[in-house]
Structures are given as structure tokens and as C-alpha cells.
Amino acid sequence: MLNNELIRSLGVGEDQIRDIVCRETAELHRREKAYRGDRGPVTVSGRTVVLVDDGIATGASMIAAVRSVREAGARRIIVGVPVGPRAACRLLRSEADLVVCSTTPPNFRAVGQVYADFHQVSDEEVRELLAAG
């Protein structure tokens, strides 16, 4: 998902976009292999899908996730986040069937502002949590 308005306003060229897409696609494949191993993707067609995150800032990543599972045939999409700005939560409501955003601080600056510990989760931690299941 590209934000063409932002791309134009920043003057980002097509070559830069191609480089970024290539780099991010490689990272996506690396993470898929690291987290999924040899298991195939989960089938979402005809199912209710619940998407969760530790919070949203702009909503762009979650909108991309919603659109991706909708394209894959999800019947219903529910988004759950503990924190995000009102505008981003409102924007998500136009994309998902249900959005639960527990906290919308009036002076929202960043997702991490509401966490005592907001460290980057390692690949190993993700694998352990997925295995625990």
C-alpha cells in the first residue's frame, strides 16, 4: 500500500520507491520464514479475522493489514488496539467492520508513551510466543 499523496509531497522518486519496496519485501519474506517456518499461510477466506497491535500512530500499517485480509476474502475484520489518536481510530472504522481502540489520549504523541516498557520484540520472542500458542 503506497500513500501517493505523501510520496508526492516528499518528492520521493520512482527509483527510491522501487528500492524501498524491494528491501521491505525481502524483510517480509525473512520474517515469514522466521515466524512461520515451513507452515503455509492461514486461510482467512470466509472467516472472521481479528487484527491486533500494540497501538497505532497513523493507522497506515493497520489499514494495509485490513485491506490485505479483506482481499484474501475475510468475511469480517475486527481491529483491536490499546491506544491510538482519535483521527486514526476513526479512519480505521471506515476500513474494518469493528474497531476497538481502548484509549485515545488527547495529546497523543507516540504509542510508546502509554507503556512502562516498550522494547522492540526480537524474532526469538515472537517465535516463543507463537510456539506457546
C-alpha atoms as a PDB file:
ATOM      1  CA  MET A   1       0.000   0.000   0.000  1.00  0.00           C
ATOM      2  CA  LEU A   2       1.537   3.276  -1.098  1.00  0.00           C
ATOM      3  CA  ASN A   3       0.481   6.680   0.183  1.00  0.00           C
ATOM      4  CA  ASN A   4       0.748   8.509  -3.135  1.00  0.00           C
ATOM      5  CA  GLU A   5      -0.172  11.868  -1.628  1.00  0.00           C
ATOM      6  CA  LEU A   6       2.680  11.622   0.886  1.00  0.00           C
ATOM      7  CA  ILE A   7       5.078  10.322  -1.769  1.00  0.00           C
ATOM      8  CA  ARG A   8       4.317  13.342  -3.981  1.00  0.00           C
ATOM      9  CA  SER A   9       4.596  15.836  -1.121  1.00  0.00           C
ATOM     10  CA  LEU A  10       8.006  14.443  -0.121  1.00  0.00           C
ATOM     11  CA  GLY A  11       9.255  14.287  -3.707  1.00  0.00           C
ATOM     12  CA  VAL A  12      10.203  10.621  -3.496  1.00  0.00           C
ATOM     13  CA  GLY A  13      11.225   9.257  -6.893  1.00  0.00           C
ATOM     14  CA  GLU A  14      10.185   6.005  -8.553  1.00  0.00           C
ATOM     15  CA  ASP A  15      13.683   4.524  -8.164  1.00  0.00           C
ATOM     16  CA  GLN A  16      13.577   5.183  -4.422  1.00  0.00           C
ATOM     17  CA  ILE A  17      10.121   3.604  -4.200  1.00  0.00           C
ATOM     18  CA  ARG A  18      11.344   0.510  -6.072  1.00  0.00           C
ATOM     19  CA  ASP A  19      14.364   0.200  -3.757  1.00  0.00           C
ATOM     20  CA  ILE A  20      12.211   0.522  -0.649  1.00  0.00           C
ATOM     21  CA  VAL A  21       9.618  -1.963  -1.930  1.00  0.00           C
ATOM     22  CA  CYS A  22      12.391  -4.445  -2.773  1.00  0.00           C
ATOM     23  CA  ARG A  23      14.035  -4.069   0.652  1.00  0.00           C
ATOM     24  CA  GLU A  24      10.745  -4.316   2.569  1.00  0.00           C
ATOM     25  CA  THR A  25       9.583  -7.307   0.513  1.00  0.00           C
ATOM     26  CA  ALA A  26      12.822  -9.121   1.390  1.00  0.00           C
ATOM     27  CA  GLU A  27      12.281  -8.279   5.074  1.00  0.00           C
ATOM     28  CA  LEU A  28       8.700  -9.546   4.896  1.00  0.00           C
ATOM     29  CA  HIS A  29       9.877 -12.851   3.411  1.00  0.00           C
ATOM     30  CA  ARG A  30      12.586 -13.137   6.078  1.00  0.00           C
ATOM     31  CA  ARG A  31      10.042 -12.634   8.858  1.00  0.00           C
ATOM     32  CA  GLU A  32       7.561 -15.042   7.284  1.00  0.00           C
ATOM     33  CA  LYS A  33      10.244 -17.739   7.214  1.00  0.00           C
ATOM     34  CA  ALA A  34      11.425 -16.911  10.745  1.00  0.00           C
ATOM     35  CA  TYR A  35       7.932 -16.929  12.264  1.00  0.00           C
ATOM     36  CA  ARG A  36       6.062 -19.460  10.149  1.00  0.00           C
ATOM     37  CA  GLY A  37       8.824 -21.927   9.335  1.00  0.00           C
ATOM     38  CA  ASP A  38       7.505 -24.493   6.875  1.00  0.00           C
ATOM     39  CA  ARG A  39       3.830 -23.886   7.700  1.00  0.00           C
ATOM     40  CA  GLY A  40       1.772 -22.249   4.975  1.00  0.00           C
ATOM     41  CA  PRO A  41      -0.308 -19.114   5.445  1.00  0.00           C
ATOM     42  CA  VAL A  42      -3.542 -19.304   7.408  1.00  0.00           C
ATOM     43  CA  THR A  43      -6.649 -19.339   5.217  1.00  0.00           C
ATOM     44  CA  VAL A  44      -8.816 -16.313   6.035  1.00  0.00           C
ATOM     45  CA  SER A  45     -11.384 -16.652   3.258  1.00  0.00           C
ATOM     46  CA  GLY A  46     -14.893 -16.656   4.705  1.00  0.00           C
ATOM     47  CA  ARG A  47     -13.616 -16.213   8.262  1.00  0.00           C
ATOM     48  CA  THR A  48     -13.715 -13.520  10.910  1.00  0.00           C
ATOM     49  CA  VAL A  49     -10.207 -12.116  11.320  1.00  0.00           C
ATOM     50  CA  VAL A  50      -9.043 -10.278  14.436  1.00  0.00           C
ATOM     51  CA  LEU A  51      -6.057  -7.981  13.883  1.00  0.00           C
ATOM     52  CA  VAL A  52      -4.276  -6.661  16.975  1.00  0.00           C
ATOM     53  CA  ASP A  53      -1.314  -4.381  17.523  1.00  0.00           C
ATOM     54  CA  ASP A  54       0.359  -2.674  20.467  1.00  0.00           C
ATOM     55  CA  GLY A  55      -1.139   0.606  19.251  1.00  0.00           C
ATOM     56  CA  ILE A  56      -1.473   2.758  16.169  1.00  0.00           C
ATOM     57  CA  ALA A  57       0.094   6.092  15.322  1.00  0.00           C
ATOM     58  CA  THR A  58      -1.160   6.973  11.835  1.00  0.00           C
ATOM     59  CA  GLY A  59      -3.146   3.810  11.183  1.00  0.00           C
ATOM     60  CA  ALA A  60      -1.411   3.219   7.840  1.00  0.00           C
ATOM     61  CA  SER A  61       0.076  -0.180   8.750  1.00  0.00           C
ATOM     62  CA  MET A  62      -3.199  -1.443  10.178  1.00  0.00           C
ATOM     63  CA  ILE A  63      -5.144  -0.188   7.156  1.00  0.00           C
ATOM     64  CA  ALA A  64      -2.721  -2.129   4.937  1.00  0.00           C
ATOM     65  CA  ALA A  65      -3.312  -5.240   7.072  1.00  0.00           C
ATOM     66  CA  VAL A  66      -7.098  -4.790   6.926  1.00  0.00           C
ATOM     67  CA  ARG A  67      -7.027  -4.390   3.156  1.00  0.00           C
ATOM     68  CA  SER A  68      -4.763  -7.404   2.773  1.00  0.00           C
ATOM     69  CA  VAL A  69      -7.037  -9.779   4.695  1.00  0.00           C
ATOM     70  CA  ARG A  70     -10.107  -8.297   3.018  1.00  0.00           C
ATOM     71  CA  GLU A  71      -8.521  -9.036  -0.393  1.00  0.00           C
ATOM     72  CA  ALA A  72      -7.851 -12.574   0.861  1.00  0.00           C
ATOM     73  CA  GLY A  73     -11.597 -12.983   1.416  1.00  0.00           C
ATOM     74  CA  ALA A  74     -12.090 -12.357   5.132  1.00  0.00           C
ATOM     75  CA  ARG A  75     -15.801 -12.272   5.967  1.00  0.00           C
ATOM     76  CA  ARG A  76     -15.468  -9.886   8.915  1.00  0.00           C
ATOM     77  CA  ILE A  77     -12.488  -7.895  10.206  1.00  0.00           C
ATOM     78  CA  ILE A  78     -12.099  -6.767  13.800  1.00  0.00           C
ATOM     79  CA  VAL A  79      -9.236  -4.480  14.841  1.00  0.00           C
ATOM     80  CA  GLY A  80      -8.105  -4.228  18.449  1.00  0.00           C
ATOM     81  CA  VAL A  81      -5.538  -1.771  19.763  1.00  0.00           C
ATOM     82  CA  PRO A  82      -4.975  -0.411  23.259  1.00  0.00           C
ATOM     83  CA  VAL A  83      -4.082   3.112  22.135  1.00  0.00           C
ATOM     84  CA  GLY A  84      -4.152   5.469  19.189  1.00  0.00           C
ATOM     85  CA  PRO A  85      -5.102   9.001  18.200  1.00  0.00           C
ATOM     86  CA  ARG A  86      -8.816   9.654  17.670  1.00  0.00           C
ATOM     87  CA  ALA A  87      -8.356  10.511  13.988  1.00  0.00           C
ATOM     88  CA  ALA A  88      -6.510   7.266  13.214  1.00  0.00           C
ATOM     89  CA  CYS A  89      -9.084   5.166  15.094  1.00  0.00           C
ATOM     90  CA  ARG A  90     -11.871   6.943  13.210  1.00  0.00           C
ATOM     91  CA  LEU A  91     -10.099   6.321   9.893  1.00  0.00           C
ATOM     92  CA  LEU A  92      -9.785   2.611  10.717  1.00  0.00           C
ATOM     93  CA  ARG A  93     -13.523   2.418  11.360  1.00  0.00           C
ATOM     94  CA  SER A  94     -14.070   3.175   7.666  1.00  0.00           C
ATOM     95  CA  GLU A  95     -11.935   0.128   6.743  1.00  0.00           C
ATOM     96  CA  ALA A  96     -12.724  -2.578   9.326  1.00  0.00           C
ATOM     97  CA  ASP A  97     -16.055  -3.978  10.470  1.00  0.00           C
ATOM     98  CA  LEU A  98     -15.304  -3.268  14.132  1.00  0.00           C
ATOM     99  CA  VAL A  99     -12.519  -1.247  15.746  1.00  0.00           C
ATOM    100  CA  VAL A 100     -11.769  -1.367  19.463  1.00  0.00           C
ATOM    101  CA  CYS A 101      -9.336   1.361  20.473  1.00  0.00           C
ATOM    102  CA  SER A 102      -9.284   1.405  24.277  1.00  0.00           C
ATOM    103  CA  THR A 103      -7.512   4.713  24.838  1.00  0.00           C
ATOM    104  CA  THR A 104      -7.358   7.829  22.680  1.00  0.00           C
ATOM    105  CA  PRO A 105      -5.208  10.291  24.640  1.00  0.00           C
ATOM    106  CA  PRO A 106      -5.964  13.944  23.821  1.00  0.00           C
ATOM    107  CA  ASN A 107      -2.247  14.760  23.499  1.00  0.00           C
ATOM    108  CA  PHE A 108      -1.203  11.600  21.666  1.00  0.00           C
ATOM    109  CA  ARG A 109       2.422  11.697  20.530  1.00  0.00           C
ATOM    110  CA  ALA A 110       3.516   8.072  20.183  1.00  0.00           C
ATOM    111  CA  VAL A 111       2.333   4.568  21.030  1.00  0.00           C
ATOM    112  CA  GLY A 112       5.203   4.122  23.498  1.00  0.00           C
ATOM    113  CA  GLN A 113       4.011   6.998  25.696  1.00  0.00           C
ATOM    114  CA  VAL A 114       1.462   4.724  27.400  1.00  0.00           C
ATOM    115  CA  TYR A 115       3.843   1.814  28.082  1.00  0.00           C
ATOM    116  CA  ALA A 116       6.245   1.425  31.005  1.00  0.00           C
ATOM    117  CA  ASP A 117       8.287  -0.970  28.819  1.00  0.00           C
ATOM    118  CA  PHE A 118       8.094  -0.524  25.047  1.00  0.00           C
ATOM    119  CA  HIS A 119      11.142  -2.504  23.913  1.00  0.00           C
ATOM    120  CA  GLN A 120      11.475  -3.912  20.412  1.00  0.00           C
ATOM    121  CA  VAL A 121      10.331  -7.535  20.386  1.00  0.00           C
ATOM    122  CA  SER A 122      13.001  -9.866  18.994  1.00  0.00           C
ATOM    123  CA  ASP A 123      12.383 -12.582  16.413  1.00  0.00           C
ATOM    124  CA  GLU A 124      13.161 -15.152  19.123  1.00  0.00           C
ATOM    125  CA  GLU A 125      10.488 -13.698  21.445  1.00  0.00           C
ATOM    126  CA  VAL A 126       7.947 -13.837  18.613  1.00  0.00           C
ATOM    127  CA  ARG A 127       8.812 -17.481  17.859  1.00  0.00           C
ATOM    128  CA  GLU A 128       8.499 -18.406  21.556  1.00  0.00           C
ATOM    129  CA  LEU A 129       5.108 -16.711  21.855  1.00  0.00           C
ATOM    130  CA  LEU A 130       3.827 -18.340  18.674  1.00  0.00           C
ATOM    131  CA  ALA A 131       5.020 -21.759  19.850  1.00  0.00           C
ATOM    132  CA  ALA A 132       3.304 -21.262  23.227  1.00  0.00           C
ATOM    133  CA  GLY A 133       0.206 -20.624  21.356  1.00  0.00           C
END
